[in-house]
Amino acid sequence: MSNDADVEILSELFKGSKEARLDDFASGNGAIDVIDVLYGQAVEVAKEMEWLVPTRAEFEEQYGQEIAKLRRHE
């Protein structure tokens, strides 16, 4: 993912996936990896929309950027 359109798609994938109902994914001991859940949802959406599927590293980088943006606006 190297062009602006790809970055925008990745941003949209993050925004769509961050509204996850994490309770639905909690294991018996309550321990979940939020990034795993969000990344899994982003992959599903990308496939449904026929977009390039981001790598885990790309998703984590975008996740960090989006969280930083949210914190600046709080």
PDB file of N, CA and C in Angstrom:
ATOM      1  N   MET A   1       0.855  -1.168   0.000  1.00  0.00           N
ATOM      2  CA  MET A   1       0.000   0.000   0.000  1.00  0.00           C
ATOM      3  C   MET A   1       0.896   1.224   0.000  1.00  0.00           C
ATOM      4  N   SER A   2       0.932   1.893  -1.117  1.00  0.00           N
ATOM      5  CA  SER A   2       1.890   2.975  -1.177  1.00  0.00           C
ATOM      6  C   SER A   2       1.297   4.297  -1.621  1.00  0.00           C
ATOM      7  N   ASN A   3       0.107   4.300  -2.194  1.00  0.00           N
ATOM      8  CA  ASN A   3      -0.417   5.592  -2.647  1.00  0.00           C
ATOM      9  C   ASN A   3      -1.479   6.126  -1.692  1.00  0.00           C
ATOM     10  N   ASP A   4      -1.895   7.357  -1.930  1.00  0.00           N
ATOM     11  CA  ASP A   4      -2.857   8.012  -1.040  1.00  0.00           C
ATOM     12  C   ASP A   4      -4.185   7.266  -0.971  1.00  0.00           C
ATOM     13  N   ALA A   5      -4.620   6.699  -2.088  1.00  0.00           N
ATOM     14  CA  ALA A   5      -5.886   5.953  -2.095  1.00  0.00           C
ATOM     15  C   ALA A   5      -5.787   4.748  -1.162  1.00  0.00           C
ATOM     16  N   ASP A   6      -4.640   4.071  -1.179  1.00  0.00           N
ATOM     17  CA  ASP A   6      -4.460   2.925  -0.301  1.00  0.00           C
ATOM     18  C   ASP A   6      -4.472   3.350   1.168  1.00  0.00           C
ATOM     19  N   VAL A   7      -3.857   4.464   1.468  1.00  0.00           N
ATOM     20  CA  VAL A   7      -3.835   4.973   2.844  1.00  0.00           C
ATOM     21  C   VAL A   7      -5.258   5.330   3.279  1.00  0.00           C
ATOM     22  N   GLU A   8      -6.032   5.930   2.396  1.00  0.00           N
ATOM     23  CA  GLU A   8      -7.419   6.289   2.721  1.00  0.00           C
ATOM     24  C   GLU A   8      -8.250   5.030   2.976  1.00  0.00           C
ATOM     25  N   ILE A   9      -8.059   4.010   2.156  1.00  0.00           N
ATOM     26  CA  ILE A   9      -8.781   2.752   2.352  1.00  0.00           C
ATOM     27  C   ILE A   9      -8.411   2.152   3.702  1.00  0.00           C
ATOM     28  N   LEU A  10      -7.134   2.139   4.022  1.00  0.00           N
ATOM     29  CA  LEU A  10      -6.692   1.599   5.291  1.00  0.00           C
ATOM     30  C   LEU A  10      -7.301   2.379   6.450  1.00  0.00           C
ATOM     31  N   SER A  11      -7.382   3.686   6.298  1.00  0.00           N
ATOM     32  CA  SER A  11      -7.998   4.514   7.329  1.00  0.00           C
ATOM     33  C   SER A  11      -9.475   4.152   7.492  1.00  0.00           C
ATOM     34  N   GLU A  12     -10.171   3.964   6.388  1.00  0.00           N
ATOM     35  CA  GLU A  12     -11.581   3.588   6.448  1.00  0.00           C
ATOM     36  C   GLU A  12     -11.757   2.206   7.066  1.00  0.00           C
ATOM     37  N   LEU A  13     -10.862   1.283   6.752  1.00  0.00           N
ATOM     38  CA  LEU A  13     -10.923  -0.041   7.359  1.00  0.00           C
ATOM     39  C   LEU A  13     -10.779   0.066   8.867  1.00  0.00           C
ATOM     40  N   PHE A  14      -9.850   0.913   9.303  1.00  0.00           N
ATOM     41  CA  PHE A  14      -9.665   1.088  10.736  1.00  0.00           C
ATOM     42  C   PHE A  14     -10.918   1.661  11.369  1.00  0.00           C
ATOM     43  N   LYS A  15     -11.458   2.712  10.760  1.00  0.00           N
ATOM     44  CA  LYS A  15     -12.635   3.363  11.327  1.00  0.00           C
ATOM     45  C   LYS A  15     -13.810   2.397  11.422  1.00  0.00           C
ATOM     46  N   GLY A  16     -13.984   1.580  10.395  1.00  0.00           N
ATOM     47  CA  GLY A  16     -15.077   0.619  10.416  1.00  0.00           C
ATOM     48  C   GLY A  16     -14.866  -0.481  11.429  1.00  0.00           C
ATOM     49  N   SER A  17     -13.633  -0.897  11.613  1.00  0.00           N
ATOM     50  CA  SER A  17     -13.361  -2.010  12.506  1.00  0.00           C
ATOM     51  C   SER A  17     -13.284  -1.578  13.967  1.00  0.00           C
ATOM     52  N   LYS A  18     -12.985  -0.323  14.241  1.00  0.00           N
ATOM     53  CA  LYS A  18     -12.801   0.083  15.636  1.00  0.00           C
ATOM     54  C   LYS A  18     -14.103   0.084  16.419  1.00  0.00           C
ATOM     55  N   GLU A  19     -15.236  -0.063  15.725  1.00  0.00           N
ATOM     56  CA  GLU A  19     -16.515  -0.115  16.405  1.00  0.00           C
ATOM     57  C   GLU A  19     -16.887  -1.548  16.765  1.00  0.00           C
ATOM     58  N   ALA A  20     -15.880  -2.376  16.879  1.00  0.00           N
ATOM     59  CA  ALA A  20     -16.104  -3.795  17.165  1.00  0.00           C
ATOM     60  C   ALA A  20     -16.837  -3.987  18.485  1.00  0.00           C
ATOM     61  N   ARG A  21     -17.656  -4.981  18.499  1.00  0.00           N
ATOM     62  CA  ARG A  21     -18.275  -5.379  19.759  1.00  0.00           C
ATOM     63  C   ARG A  21     -17.322  -6.392  20.384  1.00  0.00           C
ATOM     64  N   LEU A  22     -16.364  -5.889  21.124  1.00  0.00           N
ATOM     65  CA  LEU A  22     -15.294  -6.730  21.636  1.00  0.00           C
ATOM     66  C   LEU A  22     -15.814  -7.782  22.601  1.00  0.00           C
ATOM     67  N   ASP A  23     -16.932  -7.544  23.258  1.00  0.00           N
ATOM     68  CA  ASP A  23     -17.492  -8.537  24.155  1.00  0.00           C
ATOM     69  C   ASP A  23     -17.818  -9.826  23.411  1.00  0.00           C
ATOM     70  N   ASP A  24     -18.173  -9.696  22.129  1.00  0.00           N
ATOM     71  CA  ASP A  24     -18.506 -10.875  21.331  1.00  0.00           C
ATOM     72  C   ASP A  24     -17.289 -11.761  21.104  1.00  0.00           C
ATOM     73  N   PHE A  25     -16.096 -11.215  21.277  1.00  0.00           N
ATOM     74  CA  PHE A  25     -14.879 -11.941  20.977  1.00  0.00           C
ATOM     75  C   PHE A  25     -14.113 -12.363  22.230  1.00  0.00           C
ATOM     76  N   ALA A  26     -14.607 -11.994  23.374  1.00  0.00           N
ATOM     77  CA  ALA A  26     -13.886 -12.298  24.611  1.00  0.00           C
ATOM     78  C   ALA A  26     -13.831 -13.806  24.834  1.00  0.00           C
ATOM     79  N   SER A  27     -12.675 -14.252  25.223  1.00  0.00           N
ATOM     80  CA  SER A  27     -12.524 -15.673  25.525  1.00  0.00           C
ATOM     81  C   SER A  27     -13.033 -15.934  26.930  1.00  0.00           C
ATOM     82  N   GLY A  28     -13.037 -17.178  27.325  1.00  0.00           N
ATOM     83  CA  GLY A  28     -13.541 -17.547  28.635  1.00  0.00           C
ATOM     84  C   GLY A  28     -12.846 -16.821  29.770  1.00  0.00           C
ATOM     85  N   ASN A  29     -11.559 -16.538  29.603  1.00  0.00           N
ATOM     86  CA  ASN A  29     -10.839 -15.860  30.678  1.00  0.00           C
ATOM     87  C   ASN A  29     -10.873 -14.340  30.525  1.00  0.00           C
ATOM     88  N   GLY A  30     -11.560 -13.855  29.504  1.00  0.00           N
ATOM     89  CA  GLY A  30     -11.703 -12.425  29.304  1.00  0.00           C
ATOM     90  C   GLY A  30     -10.528 -11.760  28.630  1.00  0.00           C
ATOM     91  N   ALA A  31      -9.471 -12.519  28.355  1.00  0.00           N
ATOM     92  CA  ALA A  31      -8.287 -11.948  27.728  1.00  0.00           C
ATOM     93  C   ALA A  31      -8.439 -11.973  26.204  1.00  0.00           C
ATOM     94  N   ILE A  32      -8.400 -10.801  25.592  1.00  0.00           N
ATOM     95  CA  ILE A  32      -8.468 -10.711  24.133  1.00  0.00           C
ATOM     96  C   ILE A  32      -7.399  -9.749  23.657  1.00  0.00           C
ATOM     97  N   ASP A  33      -6.996  -9.919  22.423  1.00  0.00           N
ATOM     98  CA  ASP A  33      -6.064  -8.984  21.796  1.00  0.00           C
ATOM     99  C   ASP A  33      -6.914  -8.096  20.892  1.00  0.00           C
ATOM    100  N   VAL A  34      -7.115  -6.872  21.302  1.00  0.00           N
ATOM    101  CA  VAL A  34      -7.967  -5.942  20.571  1.00  0.00           C
ATOM    102  C   VAL A  34      -7.481  -5.761  19.147  1.00  0.00           C
ATOM    103  N   ILE A  35      -6.177  -5.652  18.958  1.00  0.00           N
ATOM    104  CA  ILE A  35      -5.624  -5.469  17.615  1.00  0.00           C
ATOM    105  C   ILE A  35      -5.969  -6.668  16.739  1.00  0.00           C
ATOM    106  N   ASP A  36      -5.903  -7.880  17.296  1.00  0.00           N
ATOM    107  CA  ASP A  36      -6.267  -9.068  16.523  1.00  0.00           C
ATOM    108  C   ASP A  36      -7.710  -8.991  16.047  1.00  0.00           C
ATOM    109  N   VAL A  37      -8.594  -8.597  16.935  1.00  0.00           N
ATOM    110  CA  VAL A  37     -10.016  -8.500  16.589  1.00  0.00           C
ATOM    111  C   VAL A  37     -10.228  -7.443  15.511  1.00  0.00           C
ATOM    112  N   LEU A  38      -9.658  -6.268  15.712  1.00  0.00           N
ATOM    113  CA  LEU A  38      -9.825  -5.187  14.755  1.00  0.00           C
ATOM    114  C   LEU A  38      -9.211  -5.528  13.405  1.00  0.00           C
ATOM    115  N   TYR A  39      -8.031  -6.135  13.421  1.00  0.00           N
ATOM    116  CA  TYR A  39      -7.381  -6.514  12.175  1.00  0.00           C
ATOM    117  C   TYR A  39      -8.208  -7.562  11.437  1.00  0.00           C
ATOM    118  N   GLY A  40      -8.722  -8.517  12.164  1.00  0.00           N
ATOM    119  CA  GLY A  40      -9.570  -9.539  11.544  1.00  0.00           C
ATOM    120  C   GLY A  40     -10.777  -8.928  10.862  1.00  0.00           C
ATOM    121  N   GLN A  41     -11.397  -7.953  11.514  1.00  0.00           N
ATOM    122  CA  GLN A  41     -12.554  -7.280  10.925  1.00  0.00           C
ATOM    123  C   GLN A  41     -12.144  -6.474   9.692  1.00  0.00           C
ATOM    124  N   ALA A  42     -10.996  -5.820   9.768  1.00  0.00           N
ATOM    125  CA  ALA A  42     -10.513  -5.037   8.625  1.00  0.00           C
ATOM    126  C   ALA A  42     -10.258  -5.940   7.424  1.00  0.00           C
ATOM    127  N   VAL A  43      -9.700  -7.111   7.669  1.00  0.00           N
ATOM    128  CA  VAL A  43      -9.451  -8.063   6.584  1.00  0.00           C
ATOM    129  C   VAL A  43     -10.765  -8.502   5.953  1.00  0.00           C
ATOM    130  N   GLU A  44     -11.760  -8.795   6.777  1.00  0.00           N
ATOM    131  CA  GLU A  44     -13.068  -9.208   6.262  1.00  0.00           C
ATOM    132  C   GLU A  44     -13.681  -8.119   5.386  1.00  0.00           C
ATOM    133  N   VAL A  45     -13.635  -6.879   5.856  1.00  0.00           N
ATOM    134  CA  VAL A  45     -14.197  -5.760   5.100  1.00  0.00           C
ATOM    135  C   VAL A  45     -13.440  -5.565   3.792  1.00  0.00           C
ATOM    136  N   ALA A  46     -12.127  -5.641   3.854  1.00  0.00           N
ATOM    137  CA  ALA A  46     -11.316  -5.462   2.647  1.00  0.00           C
ATOM    138  C   ALA A  46     -11.684  -6.507   1.601  1.00  0.00           C
ATOM    139  N   LYS A  47     -11.854  -7.736   2.029  1.00  0.00           N
ATOM    140  CA  LYS A  47     -12.227  -8.800   1.097  1.00  0.00           C
ATOM    141  C   LYS A  47     -13.613  -8.558   0.507  1.00  0.00           C
ATOM    142  N   GLU A  48     -14.561  -8.176   1.352  1.00  0.00           N
ATOM    143  CA  GLU A  48     -15.923  -7.906   0.892  1.00  0.00           C
ATOM    144  C   GLU A  48     -15.955  -6.757  -0.110  1.00  0.00           C
ATOM    145  N   MET A  49     -15.120  -5.746   0.118  1.00  0.00           N
ATOM    146  CA  MET A  49     -15.105  -4.567  -0.747  1.00  0.00           C
ATOM    147  C   MET A  49     -14.152  -4.746  -1.929  1.00  0.00           C
ATOM    148  N   GLU A  50     -13.480  -5.893  -1.967  1.00  0.00           N
ATOM    149  CA  GLU A  50     -12.502  -6.193  -3.014  1.00  0.00           C
ATOM    150  C   GLU A  50     -11.356  -5.183  -3.033  1.00  0.00           C
ATOM    151  N   TRP A  51     -10.919  -4.799  -1.819  1.00  0.00           N
ATOM    152  CA  TRP A  51      -9.770  -3.931  -1.650  1.00  0.00           C
ATOM    153  C   TRP A  51      -8.564  -4.804  -1.339  1.00  0.00           C
ATOM    154  N   LEU A  52      -7.377  -4.232  -1.476  1.00  0.00           N
ATOM    155  CA  LEU A  52      -6.178  -4.940  -1.049  1.00  0.00           C
ATOM    156  C   LEU A  52      -6.241  -5.143   0.461  1.00  0.00           C
ATOM    157  N   VAL A  53      -5.889  -6.322   0.891  1.00  0.00           N
ATOM    158  CA  VAL A  53      -5.882  -6.609   2.323  1.00  0.00           C
ATOM    159  C   VAL A  53      -4.585  -6.066   2.911  1.00  0.00           C
ATOM    160  N   PRO A  54      -4.693  -5.213   3.937  1.00  0.00           N
ATOM    161  CA  PRO A  54      -3.474  -4.661   4.534  1.00  0.00           C
ATOM    162  C   PRO A  54      -2.714  -5.731   5.302  1.00  0.00           C
ATOM    163  N   THR A  55      -1.420  -5.562   5.394  1.00  0.00           N
ATOM    164  CA  THR A  55      -0.648  -6.456   6.250  1.00  0.00           C
ATOM    165  C   THR A  55      -0.931  -6.082   7.697  1.00  0.00           C
ATOM    166  N   ARG A  56      -0.600  -6.972   8.580  1.00  0.00           N
ATOM    167  CA  ARG A  56      -0.796  -6.692  10.008  1.00  0.00           C
ATOM    168  C   ARG A  56       0.024  -5.463  10.400  1.00  0.00           C
ATOM    169  N   ALA A  57       1.248  -5.362   9.884  1.00  0.00           N
ATOM    170  CA  ALA A  57       2.119  -4.223  10.209  1.00  0.00           C
ATOM    171  C   ALA A  57       1.508  -2.910   9.722  1.00  0.00           C
ATOM    172  N   GLU A  58       0.954  -2.910   8.506  1.00  0.00           N
ATOM    173  CA  GLU A  58       0.311  -1.701   7.969  1.00  0.00           C
ATOM    174  C   GLU A  58      -0.878  -1.310   8.834  1.00  0.00           C
ATOM    175  N   PHE A  59      -1.664  -2.310   9.240  1.00  0.00           N
ATOM    176  CA  PHE A  59      -2.827  -2.029  10.066  1.00  0.00           C
ATOM    177  C   PHE A  59      -2.404  -1.469  11.422  1.00  0.00           C
ATOM    178  N   GLU A  60      -1.396  -2.065  12.029  1.00  0.00           N
ATOM    179  CA  GLU A  60      -0.937  -1.581  13.328  1.00  0.00           C
ATOM    180  C   GLU A  60      -0.409  -0.150  13.235  1.00  0.00           C
ATOM    181  N   GLU A  61       0.298   0.160  12.151  1.00  0.00           N
ATOM    182  CA  GLU A  61       0.801   1.525  11.956  1.00  0.00           C
ATOM    183  C   GLU A  61      -0.368   2.504  11.849  1.00  0.00           C
ATOM    184  N   GLN A  62      -1.364   2.149  11.050  1.00  0.00           N
ATOM    185  CA  GLN A  62      -2.536   3.013  10.890  1.00  0.00           C
ATOM    186  C   GLN A  62      -3.306   3.132  12.199  1.00  0.00           C
ATOM    187  N   TYR A  63      -3.399   2.041  12.935  1.00  0.00           N
ATOM    188  CA  TYR A  63      -4.054   2.046  14.236  1.00  0.00           C
ATOM    189  C   TYR A  63      -3.399   3.077  15.149  1.00  0.00           C
ATOM    190  N   GLY A  64      -2.074   3.055  15.191  1.00  0.00           N
ATOM    191  CA  GLY A  64      -1.340   4.017  16.014  1.00  0.00           C
ATOM    192  C   GLY A  64      -1.601   5.449  15.588  1.00  0.00           C
ATOM    193  N   GLN A  65      -1.650   5.684  14.282  1.00  0.00           N
ATOM    194  CA  GLN A  65      -1.906   7.032  13.771  1.00  0.00           C
ATOM    195  C   GLN A  65      -3.325   7.495  14.105  1.00  0.00           C
ATOM    196  N   GLU A  66      -4.283   6.603  13.947  1.00  0.00           N
ATOM    197  CA  GLU A  66      -5.672   6.973  14.230  1.00  0.00           C
ATOM    198  C   GLU A  66      -5.881   7.232  15.721  1.00  0.00           C
ATOM    199  N   ILE A  67      -5.270   6.418  16.560  1.00  0.00           N
ATOM    200  CA  ILE A  67      -5.380   6.630  18.017  1.00  0.00           C
ATOM    201  C   ILE A  67      -4.751   7.963  18.390  1.00  0.00           C
ATOM    202  N   ALA A  68      -3.614   8.293  17.798  1.00  0.00           N
ATOM    203  CA  ALA A  68      -2.959   9.581  18.060  1.00  0.00           C
ATOM    204  C   ALA A  68      -3.875  10.735  17.662  1.00  0.00           C
ATOM    205  N   LYS A  69      -4.546  10.621  16.511  1.00  0.00           N
ATOM    206  CA  LYS A  69      -5.482  11.666  16.071  1.00  0.00           C
ATOM    207  C   LYS A  69      -6.616  11.824  17.072  1.00  0.00           C
ATOM    208  N   LEU A  70      -7.170  10.695  17.520  1.00  0.00           N
ATOM    209  CA  LEU A  70      -8.278  10.748  18.481  1.00  0.00           C
ATOM    210  C   LEU A  70      -7.849  11.410  19.778  1.00  0.00           C
ATOM    211  N   ARG A  71      -6.656  11.097  20.237  1.00  0.00           N
ATOM    212  CA  ARG A  71      -6.166  11.671  21.500  1.00  0.00           C
ATOM    213  C   ARG A  71      -5.939  13.172  21.379  1.00  0.00           C
ATOM    214  N   ARG A  72      -5.512  13.627  20.195  1.00  0.00           N
ATOM    215  CA  ARG A  72      -5.304  15.062  19.991  1.00  0.00           C
ATOM    216  C   ARG A  72      -6.628  15.821  20.032  1.00  0.00           C
ATOM    217  N   HIS A  73      -7.700  15.155  19.650  1.00  0.00           N
ATOM    218  CA  HIS A  73      -9.014  15.812  19.581  1.00  0.00           C
ATOM    219  C   HIS A  73      -9.801  15.705  20.873  1.00  0.00           C
ATOM    220  N   GLU A  74      -9.263  14.986  21.840  1.00  0.00           N
ATOM    221  CA  GLU A  74      -9.976  14.839  23.117  1.00  0.00           C
ATOM    222  C   GLU A  74      -9.751  16.001  24.029  1.00  0.00           C
TER     223      GLU A  74
END
